[in-house]
């Protein structure tokens, strides 16, 4: 939510955004537009886990300037965490 809010500048959100939809197998899809953000052009290695399962599975990839994920019905939080880990890397702690 914070990542999305940070990029809403009066223009970006009118052309781009985030969508979460259901799949009929069942599951979820997420599409996050990266245009006009610091993530535009950044590399992301395709990730897949247990994709032959009917219950718990997920796949994440870049497609053009969109980060896309599909997952099982209970794995939405997992793919959101994958995006957050990629989009907002941890800041090193101060010593």
PDB file of N, CA and C in Angstrom:
ATOM      1  N   UNK A   1       0.820  -1.190   0.000  1.00  0.00           N
ATOM      2  CA  UNK A   1       0.000   0.000   0.000  1.00  0.00           C
ATOM      3  C   UNK A   1       0.864   1.254   0.000  1.00  0.00           C
ATOM      4  N   UNK A   2       1.926   1.236   0.790  1.00  0.00           N
ATOM      5  CA  UNK A   2       2.806   2.403   0.863  1.00  0.00           C
ATOM      6  C   UNK A   2       3.516   2.623  -0.468  1.00  0.00           C
ATOM      7  N   UNK A   3       3.940   1.532  -1.137  1.00  0.00           N
ATOM      8  CA  UNK A   3       4.605   1.661  -2.437  1.00  0.00           C
ATOM      9  C   UNK A   3       3.665   2.332  -3.425  1.00  0.00           C
ATOM     10  N   UNK A   4       2.423   1.885  -3.491  1.00  0.00           N
ATOM     11  CA  UNK A   4       1.440   2.469  -4.393  1.00  0.00           C
ATOM     12  C   UNK A   4       1.209   3.944  -4.053  1.00  0.00           C
ATOM     13  N   UNK A   5       0.953   4.238  -2.798  1.00  0.00           N
ATOM     14  CA  UNK A   5       0.684   5.613  -2.377  1.00  0.00           C
ATOM     15  C   UNK A   5       1.851   6.538  -2.713  1.00  0.00           C
ATOM     16  N   UNK A   6       3.064   6.038  -2.568  1.00  0.00           N
ATOM     17  CA  UNK A   6       4.255   6.835  -2.855  1.00  0.00           C
ATOM     18  C   UNK A   6       4.320   7.269  -4.326  1.00  0.00           C
ATOM     19  N   UNK A   7       3.777   6.449  -5.212  1.00  0.00           N
ATOM     20  CA  UNK A   7       3.855   6.743  -6.638  1.00  0.00           C
ATOM     21  C   UNK A   7       2.641   7.516  -7.161  1.00  0.00           C
ATOM     22  N   UNK A   8       1.623   7.687  -6.340  1.00  0.00           N
ATOM     23  CA  UNK A   8       0.462   8.487  -6.737  1.00  0.00           C
ATOM     24  C   UNK A   8       0.841   9.957  -6.652  1.00  0.00           C
ATOM     25  N   UNK A   9       0.966  10.588  -7.826  1.00  0.00           N
ATOM     26  CA  UNK A   9       1.421  11.971  -7.881  1.00  0.00           C
ATOM     27  C   UNK A   9       0.462  12.868  -8.654  1.00  0.00           C
ATOM     28  N   UNK A  10      -0.735  12.400  -8.877  1.00  0.00           N
ATOM     29  CA  UNK A  10      -1.695  13.165  -9.651  1.00  0.00           C
ATOM     30  C   UNK A  10      -1.724  12.766 -11.112  1.00  0.00           C
ATOM     31  N   UNK A  11      -0.679  12.098 -11.584  1.00  0.00           N
ATOM     32  CA  UNK A  11      -0.604  11.633 -12.974  1.00  0.00           C
ATOM     33  C   UNK A  11      -0.457  10.118 -13.075  1.00  0.00           C
ATOM     34  N   UNK A  12       0.533   9.574 -12.357  1.00  0.00           N
ATOM     35  CA  UNK A  12       0.870   8.152 -12.488  1.00  0.00           C
ATOM     36  C   UNK A  12      -0.364   7.269 -12.307  1.00  0.00           C
ATOM     37  N   UNK A  13      -1.147   7.512 -11.263  1.00  0.00           N
ATOM     38  CA  UNK A  13      -2.279   6.646 -10.947  1.00  0.00           C
ATOM     39  C   UNK A  13      -3.403   6.711 -11.982  1.00  0.00           C
ATOM     40  N   UNK A  14      -3.375   7.722 -12.878  1.00  0.00           N
ATOM     41  CA  UNK A  14      -4.385   7.806 -13.926  1.00  0.00           C
ATOM     42  C   UNK A  14      -4.033   6.938 -15.128  1.00  0.00           C
ATOM     43  N   UNK A  15      -2.762   6.578 -15.266  1.00  0.00           N
ATOM     44  CA  UNK A  15      -2.320   5.744 -16.375  1.00  0.00           C
ATOM     45  C   UNK A  15      -1.905   4.351 -15.934  1.00  0.00           C
ATOM     46  N   UNK A  16      -1.405   4.246 -14.720  1.00  0.00           N
ATOM     47  CA  UNK A  16      -0.820   3.000 -14.234  1.00  0.00           C
ATOM     48  C   UNK A  16      -1.438   2.636 -12.894  1.00  0.00           C
ATOM     49  N   UNK A  17      -0.992   1.533 -12.333  1.00  0.00           N
ATOM     50  CA  UNK A  17      -1.510   1.151 -11.029  1.00  0.00           C
ATOM     51  C   UNK A  17      -1.245  -0.292 -10.686  1.00  0.00           C
ATOM     52  N   UNK A  18      -2.092  -0.803  -9.817  1.00  0.00           N
ATOM     53  CA  UNK A  18      -1.987  -2.157  -9.297  1.00  0.00           C
ATOM     54  C   UNK A  18      -3.359  -2.808  -9.449  1.00  0.00           C
ATOM     55  N   UNK A  19      -3.388  -4.044  -9.930  1.00  0.00           N
ATOM     56  CA  UNK A  19      -4.658  -4.766  -9.969  1.00  0.00           C
ATOM     57  C   UNK A  19      -4.473  -6.150  -9.344  1.00  0.00           C
ATOM     58  N   UNK A  20      -5.482  -6.546  -8.610  1.00  0.00           N
ATOM     59  CA  UNK A  20      -5.547  -7.883  -8.010  1.00  0.00           C
ATOM     60  C   UNK A  20      -6.875  -8.479  -8.445  1.00  0.00           C
ATOM     61  N   UNK A  21      -6.799  -9.651  -9.072  1.00  0.00           N
ATOM     62  CA  UNK A  21      -7.997 -10.300  -9.582  1.00  0.00           C
ATOM     63  C   UNK A  21      -7.989 -11.775  -9.203  1.00  0.00           C
ATOM     64  N   UNK A  22      -9.136 -12.387  -9.306  1.00  0.00           N
ATOM     65  CA  UNK A  22      -9.246 -13.812  -9.007  1.00  0.00           C
ATOM     66  C   UNK A  22      -9.055 -14.642 -10.271  1.00  0.00           C
ATOM     67  N   UNK A  23      -8.596 -15.882 -10.058  1.00  0.00           N
ATOM     68  CA  UNK A  23      -8.491 -16.892 -11.113  1.00  0.00           C
ATOM     69  C   UNK A  23      -9.584 -17.925 -10.881  1.00  0.00           C
ATOM     70  N   UNK A  24      -9.958 -18.631 -11.922  1.00  0.00           N
ATOM     71  CA  UNK A  24     -11.021 -19.624 -11.768  1.00  0.00           C
ATOM     72  C   UNK A  24     -10.519 -21.018 -11.423  1.00  0.00           C
ATOM     73  N   UNK A  25      -9.236 -21.145 -11.079  1.00  0.00           N
ATOM     74  CA  UNK A  25      -8.728 -22.505 -10.836  1.00  0.00           C
ATOM     75  C   UNK A  25      -8.536 -22.883  -9.368  1.00  0.00           C
ATOM     76  N   UNK A  26      -8.833 -22.340  -8.298  1.00  0.00           N
ATOM     77  CA  UNK A  26      -8.956 -20.919  -7.986  1.00  0.00           C
ATOM     78  C   UNK A  26      -7.600 -20.328  -7.643  1.00  0.00           C
ATOM     79  N   UNK A  27      -7.546 -19.041  -7.545  1.00  0.00           N
ATOM     80  CA  UNK A  27      -6.304 -18.365  -7.199  1.00  0.00           C
ATOM     81  C   UNK A  27      -6.407 -16.879  -7.450  1.00  0.00           C
ATOM     82  N   UNK A  28      -5.256 -16.232  -7.507  1.00  0.00           N
ATOM     83  CA  UNK A  28      -5.155 -14.787  -7.646  1.00  0.00           C
ATOM     84  C   UNK A  28      -4.144 -14.415  -8.719  1.00  0.00           C
ATOM     85  N   UNK A  29      -4.322 -13.245  -9.329  1.00  0.00           N
ATOM     86  CA  UNK A  29      -3.300 -12.633 -10.163  1.00  0.00           C
ATOM     87  C   UNK A  29      -3.079 -11.212  -9.663  1.00  0.00           C
ATOM     88  N   UNK A  30      -1.843 -10.769  -9.757  1.00  0.00           N
ATOM     89  CA  UNK A  30      -1.489  -9.392  -9.415  1.00  0.00           C
ATOM     90  C   UNK A  30      -0.710  -8.831 -10.596  1.00  0.00           C
ATOM     91  N   UNK A  31      -1.040  -7.612 -10.982  1.00  0.00           N
ATOM     92  CA  UNK A  31      -0.293  -6.886 -11.998  1.00  0.00           C
ATOM     93  C   UNK A  31       0.063  -5.530 -11.414  1.00  0.00           C
ATOM     94  N   UNK A  32       1.348  -5.195 -11.426  1.00  0.00           N
ATOM     95  CA  UNK A  32       1.827  -3.919 -10.898  1.00  0.00           C
ATOM     96  C   UNK A  32       2.599  -3.212 -12.004  1.00  0.00           C
ATOM     97  N   UNK A  33       2.092  -2.048 -12.405  1.00  0.00           N
ATOM     98  CA  UNK A  33       2.770  -1.257 -13.427  1.00  0.00           C
ATOM     99  C   UNK A  33       4.018  -0.611 -12.842  1.00  0.00           C
ATOM    100  N   UNK A  34       5.123  -0.734 -13.560  1.00  0.00           N
ATOM    101  CA  UNK A  34       6.402  -0.182 -13.106  1.00  0.00           C
ATOM    102  C   UNK A  34       6.786   1.090 -13.854  1.00  0.00           C
ATOM    103  N   UNK A  35       6.054   1.431 -14.895  1.00  0.00           N
ATOM    104  CA  UNK A  35       6.351   2.640 -15.675  1.00  0.00           C
ATOM    105  C   UNK A  35       6.398   3.855 -14.752  1.00  0.00           C
ATOM    106  N   UNK A  36       7.408   4.691 -14.945  1.00  0.00           N
ATOM    107  CA  UNK A  36       7.510   5.920 -14.181  1.00  0.00           C
ATOM    108  C   UNK A  36       7.903   5.741 -12.727  1.00  0.00           C
ATOM    109  N   UNK A  37       8.386   4.545 -12.372  1.00  0.00           N
ATOM    110  CA  UNK A  37       8.853   4.283 -11.010  1.00  0.00           C
ATOM    111  C   UNK A  37      10.337   3.916 -11.064  1.00  0.00           C
ATOM    112  N   UNK A  38      11.028   3.942  -9.931  1.00  0.00           N
ATOM    113  CA  UNK A  38      12.437   3.521  -9.928  1.00  0.00           C
ATOM    114  C   UNK A  38      12.636   2.060 -10.338  1.00  0.00           C
ATOM    115  N   UNK A  39      11.555   1.261 -10.354  1.00  0.00           N
ATOM    116  CA  UNK A  39      11.660  -0.152 -10.727  1.00  0.00           C
ATOM    117  C   UNK A  39      11.601  -0.373 -12.230  1.00  0.00           C
ATOM    118  N   UNK A  40      11.249   0.658 -12.979  1.00  0.00           N
ATOM    119  CA  UNK A  40      11.192   0.539 -14.436  1.00  0.00           C
ATOM    120  C   UNK A  40      12.571   0.161 -14.961  1.00  0.00           C
ATOM    121  N   UNK A  41      12.649  -0.949 -15.667  1.00  0.00           N
ATOM    122  CA  UNK A  41      13.915  -1.410 -16.226  1.00  0.00           C
ATOM    123  C   UNK A  41      14.753  -2.249 -15.280  1.00  0.00           C
ATOM    124  N   UNK A  42      14.367  -2.384 -14.039  1.00  0.00           N
ATOM    125  CA  UNK A  42      15.122  -3.195 -13.071  1.00  0.00           C
ATOM    126  C   UNK A  42      14.910  -4.678 -13.365  1.00  0.00           C
ATOM    127  N   UNK A  43      15.943  -5.463 -13.184  1.00  0.00           N
ATOM    128  CA  UNK A  43      15.881  -6.898 -13.437  1.00  0.00           C
ATOM    129  C   UNK A  43      15.145  -7.625 -12.314  1.00  0.00           C
ATOM    130  N   UNK A  44      14.417  -8.673 -12.687  1.00  0.00           N
ATOM    131  CA  UNK A  44      13.757  -9.562 -11.732  1.00  0.00           C
ATOM    132  C   UNK A  44      13.797 -10.953 -12.323  1.00  0.00           C
ATOM    133  N   UNK A  45      14.376 -11.884 -11.586  1.00  0.00           N
ATOM    134  CA  UNK A  45      14.437 -13.275 -12.049  1.00  0.00           C
ATOM    135  C   UNK A  45      13.088 -13.944 -11.808  1.00  0.00           C
ATOM    136  N   UNK A  46      12.552 -14.586 -12.829  1.00  0.00           N
ATOM    137  CA  UNK A  46      11.282 -15.303 -12.693  1.00  0.00           C
ATOM    138  C   UNK A  46      11.391 -16.314 -11.563  1.00  0.00           C
ATOM    139  N   UNK A  47      10.359 -16.347 -10.726  1.00  0.00           N
ATOM    140  CA  UNK A  47      10.308 -17.275  -9.600  1.00  0.00           C
ATOM    141  C   UNK A  47       9.055 -18.132  -9.710  1.00  0.00           C
ATOM    142  N   UNK A  48       9.200 -19.422  -9.427  1.00  0.00           N
ATOM    143  CA  UNK A  48       8.052 -20.337  -9.423  1.00  0.00           C
ATOM    144  C   UNK A  48       8.183 -21.284  -8.253  1.00  0.00           C
ATOM    145  N   UNK A  49       7.041 -21.651  -7.695  1.00  0.00           N
ATOM    146  CA  UNK A  49       7.041 -22.604  -6.597  1.00  0.00           C
ATOM    147  C   UNK A  49       5.815 -23.504  -6.698  1.00  0.00           C
ATOM    148  N   UNK A  50       6.037 -24.804  -6.774  1.00  0.00           N
ATOM    149  CA  UNK A  50       4.975 -25.801  -6.676  1.00  0.00           C
ATOM    150  C   UNK A  50       3.860 -25.559  -7.700  1.00  0.00           C
ATOM    151  N   UNK A  51       4.215 -25.154  -8.921  1.00  0.00           N
ATOM    152  CA  UNK A  51       3.196 -24.724  -9.883  1.00  0.00           C
ATOM    153  C   UNK A  51       2.257 -25.837 -10.353  1.00  0.00           C
ATOM    154  N   UNK A  52       2.568 -27.086 -10.061  1.00  0.00           N
ATOM    155  CA  UNK A  52       1.680 -28.180 -10.439  1.00  0.00           C
ATOM    156  C   UNK A  52       0.633 -28.479  -9.371  1.00  0.00           C
ATOM    157  N   UNK A  53       0.687 -27.776  -8.254  1.00  0.00           N
ATOM    158  CA  UNK A  53      -0.273 -27.985  -7.170  1.00  0.00           C
ATOM    159  C   UNK A  53      -1.600 -27.300  -7.492  1.00  0.00           C
ATOM    160  N   UNK A  54      -2.676 -27.858  -6.990  1.00  0.00           N
ATOM    161  CA  UNK A  54      -3.980 -27.218  -7.135  1.00  0.00           C
ATOM    162  C   UNK A  54      -4.273 -26.268  -5.981  1.00  0.00           C
ATOM    163  N   UNK A  55      -3.477 -26.371  -4.911  1.00  0.00           N
ATOM    164  CA  UNK A  55      -3.799 -25.617  -3.696  1.00  0.00           C
ATOM    165  C   UNK A  55      -2.794 -24.503  -3.415  1.00  0.00           C
ATOM    166  N   UNK A  56      -1.529 -24.845  -3.234  1.00  0.00           N
ATOM    167  CA  UNK A  56      -0.524 -23.859  -2.841  1.00  0.00           C
ATOM    168  C   UNK A  56       0.568 -23.797  -3.903  1.00  0.00           C
ATOM    169  N   UNK A  57       0.602 -22.705  -4.649  1.00  0.00           N
ATOM    170  CA  UNK A  57       1.562 -22.519  -5.737  1.00  0.00           C
ATOM    171  C   UNK A  57       1.685 -21.023  -6.004  1.00  0.00           C
ATOM    172  N   UNK A  58       2.770 -20.635  -6.666  1.00  0.00           N
ATOM    173  CA  UNK A  58       2.918 -19.251  -7.102  1.00  0.00           C
ATOM    174  C   UNK A  58       3.977 -19.133  -8.182  1.00  0.00           C
ATOM    175  N   UNK A  59       3.815 -18.088  -8.995  1.00  0.00           N
ATOM    176  CA  UNK A  59       4.777 -17.753 -10.052  1.00  0.00           C
ATOM    177  C   UNK A  59       4.808 -16.233 -10.168  1.00  0.00           C
ATOM    178  N   UNK A  60       6.020 -15.673 -10.252  1.00  0.00           N
ATOM    179  CA  UNK A  60       6.213 -14.221 -10.357  1.00  0.00           C
ATOM    180  C   UNK A  60       7.193 -13.949 -11.490  1.00  0.00           C
ATOM    181  N   UNK A  61       6.929 -12.893 -12.271  1.00  0.00           N
ATOM    182  CA  UNK A  61       7.795 -12.580 -13.405  1.00  0.00           C
ATOM    183  C   UNK A  61       7.604 -11.135 -13.829  1.00  0.00           C
ATOM    184  N   UNK A  62       8.530 -10.650 -14.620  1.00  0.00           N
ATOM    185  CA  UNK A  62       8.365  -9.367 -15.295  1.00  0.00           C
ATOM    186  C   UNK A  62       7.814  -9.644 -16.677  1.00  0.00           C
ATOM    187  N   UNK A  63       6.908  -8.801 -17.109  1.00  0.00           N
ATOM    188  CA  UNK A  63       6.370  -8.890 -18.463  1.00  0.00           C
ATOM    189  C   UNK A  63       6.280  -7.459 -18.977  1.00  0.00           C
ATOM    190  N   UNK A  64       7.212  -7.098 -19.832  1.00  0.00           N
ATOM    191  CA  UNK A  64       7.304  -5.708 -20.256  1.00  0.00           C
ATOM    192  C   UNK A  64       7.643  -4.840 -19.061  1.00  0.00           C
ATOM    193  N   UNK A  65       6.865  -3.804 -18.845  1.00  0.00           N
ATOM    194  CA  UNK A  65       7.071  -2.930 -17.686  1.00  0.00           C
ATOM    195  C   UNK A  65       6.046  -3.217 -16.592  1.00  0.00           C
ATOM    196  N   UNK A  66       5.690  -4.500 -16.454  1.00  0.00           N
ATOM    197  CA  UNK A  66       4.769  -4.913 -15.398  1.00  0.00           C
ATOM    198  C   UNK A  66       5.369  -6.081 -14.632  1.00  0.00           C
ATOM    199  N   UNK A  67       5.184  -6.027 -13.321  1.00  0.00           N
ATOM    200  CA  UNK A  67       5.509  -7.163 -12.462  1.00  0.00           C
ATOM    201  C   UNK A  67       4.211  -7.929 -12.315  1.00  0.00           C
ATOM    202  N   UNK A  68       4.264  -9.221 -12.607  1.00  0.00           N
ATOM    203  CA  UNK A  68       3.052 -10.044 -12.578  1.00  0.00           C
ATOM    204  C   UNK A  68       3.255 -11.266 -11.694  1.00  0.00           C
ATOM    205  N   UNK A  69       2.198 -11.631 -11.020  1.00  0.00           N
ATOM    206  CA  UNK A  69       2.225 -12.839 -10.205  1.00  0.00           C
ATOM    207  C   UNK A  69       0.878 -13.545 -10.327  1.00  0.00           C
ATOM    208  N   UNK A  70       0.933 -14.852 -10.193  1.00  0.00           N
ATOM    209  CA  UNK A  70      -0.270 -15.678 -10.100  1.00  0.00           C
ATOM    210  C   UNK A  70       0.000 -16.655  -8.969  1.00  0.00           C
ATOM    211  N   UNK A  71      -1.053 -17.010  -8.234  1.00  0.00           N
ATOM    212  CA  UNK A  71      -0.837 -17.883  -7.081  1.00  0.00           C
ATOM    213  C   UNK A  71      -2.124 -18.594  -6.690  1.00  0.00           C
ATOM    214  N   UNK A  72      -1.947 -19.584  -5.815  1.00  0.00           N
ATOM    215  CA  UNK A  72      -3.072 -20.310  -5.266  1.00  0.00           C
ATOM    216  C   UNK A  72      -3.885 -19.427  -4.320  1.00  0.00           C
ATOM    217  N   UNK A  73      -5.055 -19.895  -3.910  1.00  0.00           N
ATOM    218  CA  UNK A  73      -5.951 -19.066  -3.117  1.00  0.00           C
ATOM    219  C   UNK A  73      -5.394 -18.629  -1.762  1.00  0.00           C
ATOM    220  N   UNK A  74      -4.462 -19.380  -1.202  1.00  0.00           N
ATOM    221  CA  UNK A  74      -3.891 -19.032   0.092  1.00  0.00           C
ATOM    222  C   UNK A  74      -2.516 -18.387   0.019  1.00  0.00           C
ATOM    223  N   UNK A  75      -2.047 -18.063  -1.181  1.00  0.00           N
ATOM    224  CA  UNK A  75      -0.676 -17.586  -1.359  1.00  0.00           C
ATOM    225  C   UNK A  75      -0.552 -16.121  -1.758  1.00  0.00           C
ATOM    226  N   UNK A  76      -1.633 -15.365  -1.671  1.00  0.00           N
ATOM    227  CA  UNK A  76      -1.592 -13.958  -2.053  1.00  0.00           C
ATOM    228  C   UNK A  76      -0.569 -13.181  -1.218  1.00  0.00           C
ATOM    229  N   UNK A  77      -0.552 -13.407   0.074  1.00  0.00           N
ATOM    230  CA  UNK A  77       0.413 -12.734   0.947  1.00  0.00           C
ATOM    231  C   UNK A  77       1.845 -13.050   0.569  1.00  0.00           C
ATOM    232  N   UNK A  78       2.121 -14.279   0.146  1.00  0.00           N
ATOM    233  CA  UNK A  78       3.467 -14.687  -0.238  1.00  0.00           C
ATOM    234  C   UNK A  78       3.949 -13.894  -1.442  1.00  0.00           C
ATOM    235  N   UNK A  79       3.118 -13.775  -2.490  1.00  0.00           N
ATOM    236  CA  UNK A  79       3.579 -13.061  -3.673  1.00  0.00           C
ATOM    237  C   UNK A  79       3.683 -11.556  -3.420  1.00  0.00           C
ATOM    238  N   UNK A  80       2.845 -11.020  -2.553  1.00  0.00           N
ATOM    239  CA  UNK A  80       2.988  -9.611  -2.171  1.00  0.00           C
ATOM    240  C   UNK A  80       4.303  -9.420  -1.438  1.00  0.00           C
ATOM    241  N   UNK A  81       4.661 -10.350  -0.559  1.00  0.00           N
ATOM    242  CA  UNK A  81       5.955 -10.276   0.133  1.00  0.00           C
ATOM    243  C   UNK A  81       7.128 -10.356  -0.846  1.00  0.00           C
ATOM    244  N   UNK A  82       7.012 -11.187  -1.880  1.00  0.00           N
ATOM    245  CA  UNK A  82       8.070 -11.286  -2.890  1.00  0.00           C
ATOM    246  C   UNK A  82       8.241  -9.937  -3.584  1.00  0.00           C
ATOM    247  N   UNK A  83       7.127  -9.313  -3.967  1.00  0.00           N
ATOM    248  CA  UNK A  83       7.232  -7.994  -4.601  1.00  0.00           C
ATOM    249  C   UNK A  83       7.859  -6.984  -3.645  1.00  0.00           C
ATOM    250  N   UNK A  84       7.395  -6.945  -2.418  1.00  0.00           N
ATOM    251  CA  UNK A  84       7.937  -5.982  -1.451  1.00  0.00           C
ATOM    252  C   UNK A  84       9.420  -6.189  -1.231  1.00  0.00           C
ATOM    253  N   UNK A  85       9.860  -7.422  -1.132  1.00  0.00           N
ATOM    254  CA  UNK A  85      11.287  -7.703  -0.922  1.00  0.00           C
ATOM    255  C   UNK A  85      12.129  -7.229  -2.097  1.00  0.00           C
ATOM    256  N   UNK A  86      11.584  -7.331  -3.299  1.00  0.00           N
ATOM    257  CA  UNK A  86      12.292  -6.880  -4.491  1.00  0.00           C
ATOM    258  C   UNK A  86      12.222  -5.360  -4.630  1.00  0.00           C
ATOM    259  N   UNK A  87      11.068  -4.799  -4.398  1.00  0.00           N
ATOM    260  CA  UNK A  87      10.840  -3.374  -4.635  1.00  0.00           C
ATOM    261  C   UNK A  87      11.412  -2.484  -3.545  1.00  0.00           C
ATOM    262  N   UNK A  88      11.424  -2.980  -2.324  1.00  0.00           N
ATOM    263  CA  UNK A  88      11.857  -2.175  -1.182  1.00  0.00           C
ATOM    264  C   UNK A  88      12.911  -2.974  -0.418  1.00  0.00           C
ATOM    265  N   UNK A  89      14.143  -3.004  -0.932  1.00  0.00           N
ATOM    266  CA  UNK A  89      15.187  -3.774  -0.246  1.00  0.00           C
ATOM    267  C   UNK A  89      15.429  -3.216   1.150  1.00  0.00           C
ATOM    268  N   UNK A  90      15.836  -4.094   2.030  1.00  0.00           N
ATOM    269  CA  UNK A  90      16.113  -3.685   3.408  1.00  0.00           C
ATOM    270  C   UNK A  90      17.241  -2.664   3.456  1.00  0.00           C
ATOM    271  N   UNK A  91      17.064  -1.690   4.320  1.00  0.00           N
ATOM    272  CA  UNK A  91      18.100  -0.690   4.553  1.00  0.00           C
ATOM    273  C   UNK A  91      19.096  -1.266   5.549  1.00  0.00           C
ATOM    274  N   UNK A  92      20.386  -1.169   5.277  1.00  0.00           N
ATOM    275  CA  UNK A  92      21.371  -1.689   6.240  1.00  0.00           C
ATOM    276  C   UNK A  92      21.212  -0.999   7.592  1.00  0.00           C
ATOM    277  N   UNK A  93      21.408  -1.759   8.642  1.00  0.00           N
ATOM    278  CA  UNK A  93      21.311  -1.186   9.983  1.00  0.00           C
ATOM    279  C   UNK A  93      22.540  -0.381  10.296  1.00  0.00           C
ATOM    280  N   UNK A  94      22.349   0.669  11.070  1.00  0.00           N
ATOM    281  CA  UNK A  94      23.464   1.527  11.512  1.00  0.00           C
ATOM    282  C   UNK A  94      24.150   0.863  12.695  1.00  0.00           C
ATOM    283  N   UNK A  95      25.493   0.932  12.770  1.00  0.00           N
ATOM    284  CA  UNK A  95      26.177   0.367  13.927  1.00  0.00           C
ATOM    285  C   UNK A  95      26.622   1.461  14.856  1.00  0.00           C
TER     286      UNK A  95
END
